Protein backbone atom coordinates (compact mmCIF):
# COMPACT_ATOMS: atom_id res chain seq x y z
CA MET A 1 -55.53 -17.19 63.46
CA GLY A 2 -58.92 -18.23 62.75
CA HIS A 3 -60.54 -19.25 59.81
CA GLN A 4 -59.62 -16.93 56.30
CA THR A 5 -61.40 -16.40 53.29
CA ARG A 6 -59.70 -17.22 49.93
CA ALA A 7 -59.13 -13.44 49.06
CA GLN A 8 -57.70 -12.76 52.65
CA LYS A 9 -54.66 -16.09 51.99
CA GLU A 10 -54.18 -14.88 47.93
CA ALA A 11 -53.88 -11.38 50.20
CA ILE A 12 -51.53 -12.72 52.59
CA VAL A 13 -49.57 -14.70 50.22
CA GLN A 14 -49.18 -11.63 47.87
CA SER A 15 -47.69 -9.59 50.44
CA LEU A 16 -45.58 -12.30 51.83
CA ARG A 17 -44.29 -12.57 47.74
CA GLU A 18 -43.74 -8.79 47.95
CA GLN A 19 -41.68 -8.94 51.21
CA LEU A 20 -39.97 -11.50 48.96
CA ARG A 21 -39.32 -10.09 45.78
CA LYS A 22 -37.54 -7.22 48.20
CA ALA A 23 -35.34 -9.77 50.32
CA GLU A 24 -31.46 -10.57 49.56
CA ALA A 25 -31.62 -13.63 51.29
CA VAL A 26 -34.21 -15.52 53.52
CA VAL A 27 -33.18 -17.77 57.03
CA ALA A 28 -35.61 -20.46 58.18
CA LEU A 29 -35.93 -21.18 62.08
CA PRO A 30 -37.57 -24.27 64.13
CA LEU A 31 -40.77 -22.20 66.18
CA GLU A 32 -40.93 -25.12 68.60
CA GLY A 33 -40.18 -23.78 72.24
CA LEU A 34 -40.33 -20.06 71.60
CA LYS A 35 -43.48 -18.13 73.03
CA HIS A 36 -44.79 -15.04 71.51
CA GLN A 37 -43.12 -12.81 74.38
CA GLN A 38 -40.42 -13.96 72.80
CA LEU A 39 -40.28 -13.59 69.19
CA GLU A 40 -41.55 -10.39 69.90
CA ARG A 41 -37.85 -8.98 71.84
CA LEU A 42 -36.09 -11.34 69.29
CA LYS A 43 -37.87 -9.22 66.58
CA SER A 44 -37.39 -5.46 68.21
CA SER A 45 -33.15 -6.34 68.57
CA LEU A 46 -33.26 -7.05 64.71
CA PRO A 47 -31.53 -4.84 62.49
CA ALA A 48 -34.27 -2.36 60.36
CA THR A 49 -33.76 -4.63 56.76
CA VAL A 50 -34.50 -8.07 58.88
CA HIS A 51 -37.87 -8.78 58.61
CA CYS A 52 -38.78 -11.69 61.71
CA LYS A 53 -42.12 -13.70 60.94
CA VAL A 54 -44.06 -16.83 61.75
CA ILE A 55 -45.07 -18.08 57.89
CA LYS A 56 -46.90 -21.19 57.25
CA ASN A 57 -44.75 -23.50 55.07
CA SER A 58 -48.07 -23.60 52.06
CA TYR A 59 -48.20 -19.78 51.93
CA PHE A 60 -44.65 -19.45 51.82
CA GLN A 61 -44.23 -22.08 49.27
CA LYS A 62 -46.99 -20.17 47.03
CA ALA A 63 -45.87 -17.28 47.81
CA ALA A 64 -42.08 -17.65 46.24
CA ASN A 65 -43.28 -19.20 43.25
CA GLY A 66 -42.59 -15.87 40.63
CA VAL A 67 -39.48 -14.86 42.87
CA THR A 68 -36.72 -15.81 40.82
CA TRP A 69 -33.80 -15.94 42.79
CA LEU A 70 -35.79 -18.48 46.14
CA GLN A 71 -36.01 -20.87 42.24
CA SER A 72 -33.17 -22.97 40.70
CA THR A 73 -33.66 -24.08 37.28
CA SER A 74 -33.40 -28.64 36.73
CA LYS A 75 -31.91 -30.46 34.13
CA GLU A 76 -35.28 -30.39 32.76
CA GLY A 77 -36.43 -26.97 32.55
CA GLU A 78 -38.19 -26.55 35.30
CA ASP A 79 -38.46 -24.12 38.37
CA ALA A 80 -37.73 -25.55 42.05
CA LEU A 81 -37.82 -23.85 44.81
CA LEU A 82 -34.83 -23.82 46.62
CA ALA A 83 -36.13 -23.45 50.13
CA LYS A 84 -38.63 -26.66 49.33
CA PRO A 85 -36.21 -28.85 52.01
CA LEU A 86 -36.68 -26.07 55.06
CA LEU A 87 -40.73 -26.50 54.17
CA LYS A 88 -41.04 -29.47 56.73
CA LEU A 89 -41.34 -28.09 60.06
CA ALA A 90 -42.94 -25.39 61.77
CA ASN A 91 -40.82 -22.39 60.80
CA PHE A 92 -40.46 -18.58 61.45
CA TRP A 93 -38.32 -16.93 59.02
CA PHE A 94 -35.76 -13.92 58.81
CA LEU A 95 -36.44 -12.14 55.52
CA ALA A 96 -32.96 -9.39 54.77
CA GLU A 97 -33.62 -7.28 52.65
CA ASN A 98 -29.81 -6.28 52.71
CA LEU A 99 -27.16 -8.88 52.72
CA ASP A 100 -25.26 -6.73 55.46
CA ASP A 101 -27.47 -7.15 58.29
CA LEU A 102 -27.88 -10.92 58.06
CA PRO A 103 -24.73 -11.63 59.95
CA ALA A 104 -26.01 -9.29 63.18
CA ALA A 105 -29.35 -10.60 62.93
CA ILE A 106 -28.06 -14.03 63.53
CA ARG A 107 -25.98 -13.52 66.30
CA ALA A 108 -29.49 -11.36 67.89
CA TYR A 109 -31.47 -15.29 67.29
CA GLU A 110 -28.38 -16.76 68.72
CA ALA A 111 -28.20 -14.77 71.74
CA VAL A 112 -31.88 -15.19 72.21
CA ILE A 113 -31.83 -19.02 72.14
CA GLU A 114 -29.02 -19.33 74.67
CA GLU A 115 -30.09 -17.48 77.10
CA LEU A 116 -33.25 -20.18 76.68
CA LYS A 117 -30.88 -22.82 76.78
CA LEU A 118 -32.04 -24.01 73.78
CA GLU A 119 -28.99 -24.53 71.69
CA GLN A 120 -29.29 -28.19 71.37
CA THR A 121 -33.42 -28.12 70.04
CA ASN A 122 -33.05 -24.57 68.46
CA LYS A 123 -30.54 -25.12 65.15
CA ILE A 124 -30.96 -23.04 62.39
CA ARG A 125 -32.51 -24.97 59.79
CA GLY A 126 -30.88 -23.68 57.05
CA GLY A 127 -31.81 -20.54 54.54
CA VAL A 128 -30.98 -19.29 50.16
CA LEU A 129 -29.11 -16.44 49.40
CA GLU A 130 -27.26 -15.37 45.80
CA GLY A 131 -29.44 -18.16 44.61
CA GLN A 132 -27.98 -20.75 46.54
CA LEU A 133 -29.37 -23.04 49.18
CA TYR A 134 -27.66 -23.38 52.78
CA ASP A 135 -27.50 -25.86 55.64
CA GLY A 136 -28.30 -24.70 58.93
CA ASP A 137 -24.39 -24.93 59.88
CA SER A 138 -23.34 -22.31 56.84
CA MET A 139 -26.43 -20.01 58.54
CA ALA A 140 -24.56 -19.90 61.24
CA ARG A 141 -21.21 -19.31 60.08
CA VAL A 142 -23.12 -16.02 58.08
CA GLY A 143 -23.51 -15.08 61.72
CA LYS A 144 -20.04 -14.90 62.88
CA ILE A 145 -19.18 -12.63 59.28
CA PRO A 146 -18.37 -8.84 61.22
CA THR A 147 -19.99 -6.32 60.53
CA LYS A 148 -18.17 -3.11 57.94
CA GLN A 149 -18.51 -0.79 61.23
CA GLU A 150 -16.43 -3.46 62.80
CA LEU A 151 -14.06 -3.84 59.79
CA TYR A 152 -13.51 -0.29 59.25
CA ARG A 153 -13.13 0.21 63.55
CA ASP A 154 -9.98 -3.18 62.69
CA ILE A 155 -8.95 -1.52 59.42
CA ALA A 156 -8.50 2.22 61.62
CA ILE A 157 -6.62 0.03 64.68
CA VAL A 158 -4.04 -1.75 61.90
CA MET A 159 -3.70 2.33 60.64
CA ARG A 160 -3.00 3.43 63.33
CA MET A 161 -0.82 1.06 64.69
CA VAL A 162 1.21 1.74 61.76
CA PRO A 163 3.08 5.40 62.65
CA THR A 164 3.25 3.84 66.01
CA ARG A 165 5.60 0.98 65.50
CA LEU A 166 7.27 3.21 62.98
CA ALA A 167 8.36 6.04 65.33
CA ARG A 168 9.26 3.16 67.81
CA ALA A 169 11.67 1.44 65.06
CA LEU A 170 13.28 4.46 63.91
CA LYS A 171 13.67 5.72 67.70
CA ILE A 172 15.05 2.09 68.37
CA LEU A 173 17.24 2.06 64.88
CA PRO A 174 20.08 4.45 65.90
CA THR A 175 20.77 2.80 69.49
CA ASN A 176 20.95 -0.63 67.20
CA VAL A 177 23.08 0.92 65.13
CA ALA A 178 25.75 2.70 67.41
CA ARG A 179 25.90 -0.43 69.31
CA ALA A 180 26.56 -2.86 66.30
CA VAL A 181 29.35 0.09 65.08
CA ARG A 182 30.81 -0.77 68.77
CA LEU A 183 30.67 -4.73 68.79
CA ALA A 184 33.02 -4.08 64.52
CA LYS A 185 35.56 -1.69 66.56
CA VAL A 186 35.54 -4.03 68.69
CA ASP A 187 35.61 -6.86 66.93
CA VAL A 188 38.03 -5.08 64.57
CA ASP A 189 40.74 -4.50 67.47
CA ALA A 190 40.03 -7.92 68.57
CA ALA A 191 42.12 -8.70 65.44
CA ALA A 192 44.23 -5.58 64.86
CA SER A 193 46.36 -6.99 67.52
């Protein structure tokens, strides 16, 4: 990046603050082992409402000040940055403007990491969503949540199965009733003799 003037740094922080205000979730991801080309490929595979950014920890901390959903109030009444535990190592971040798209973004990240065989070293560090700090394992579980389209598809499949099963049951029902009547008649005849 080179040397930046104070005004340039403040502009970066202000721009980031606006993006954080629009976001509903942030996810910290390890930068180690990833090349610029791989990050660009990951960015292109993300949903439109999820932005992937390499952000210096100091810039993130300054930008997050004043973003209410990233703050927690301590017992003493002081605001504390929820993402502070995630600001220790070099990160890149997902800034999700729509929570519905976050699982797809996490799946895209995990696919890239798996392809590069970096699963052991590049696990998700954690994230903040809905005013809560989550560890990496919890954020990885968010990636397993089905999308709305997947849920709609599954509901449609189940709904199409109900009439089919009902029709089969109704078709089998007369046969079963007839068989039961014959068996009952045999039992009655056997008991009568």
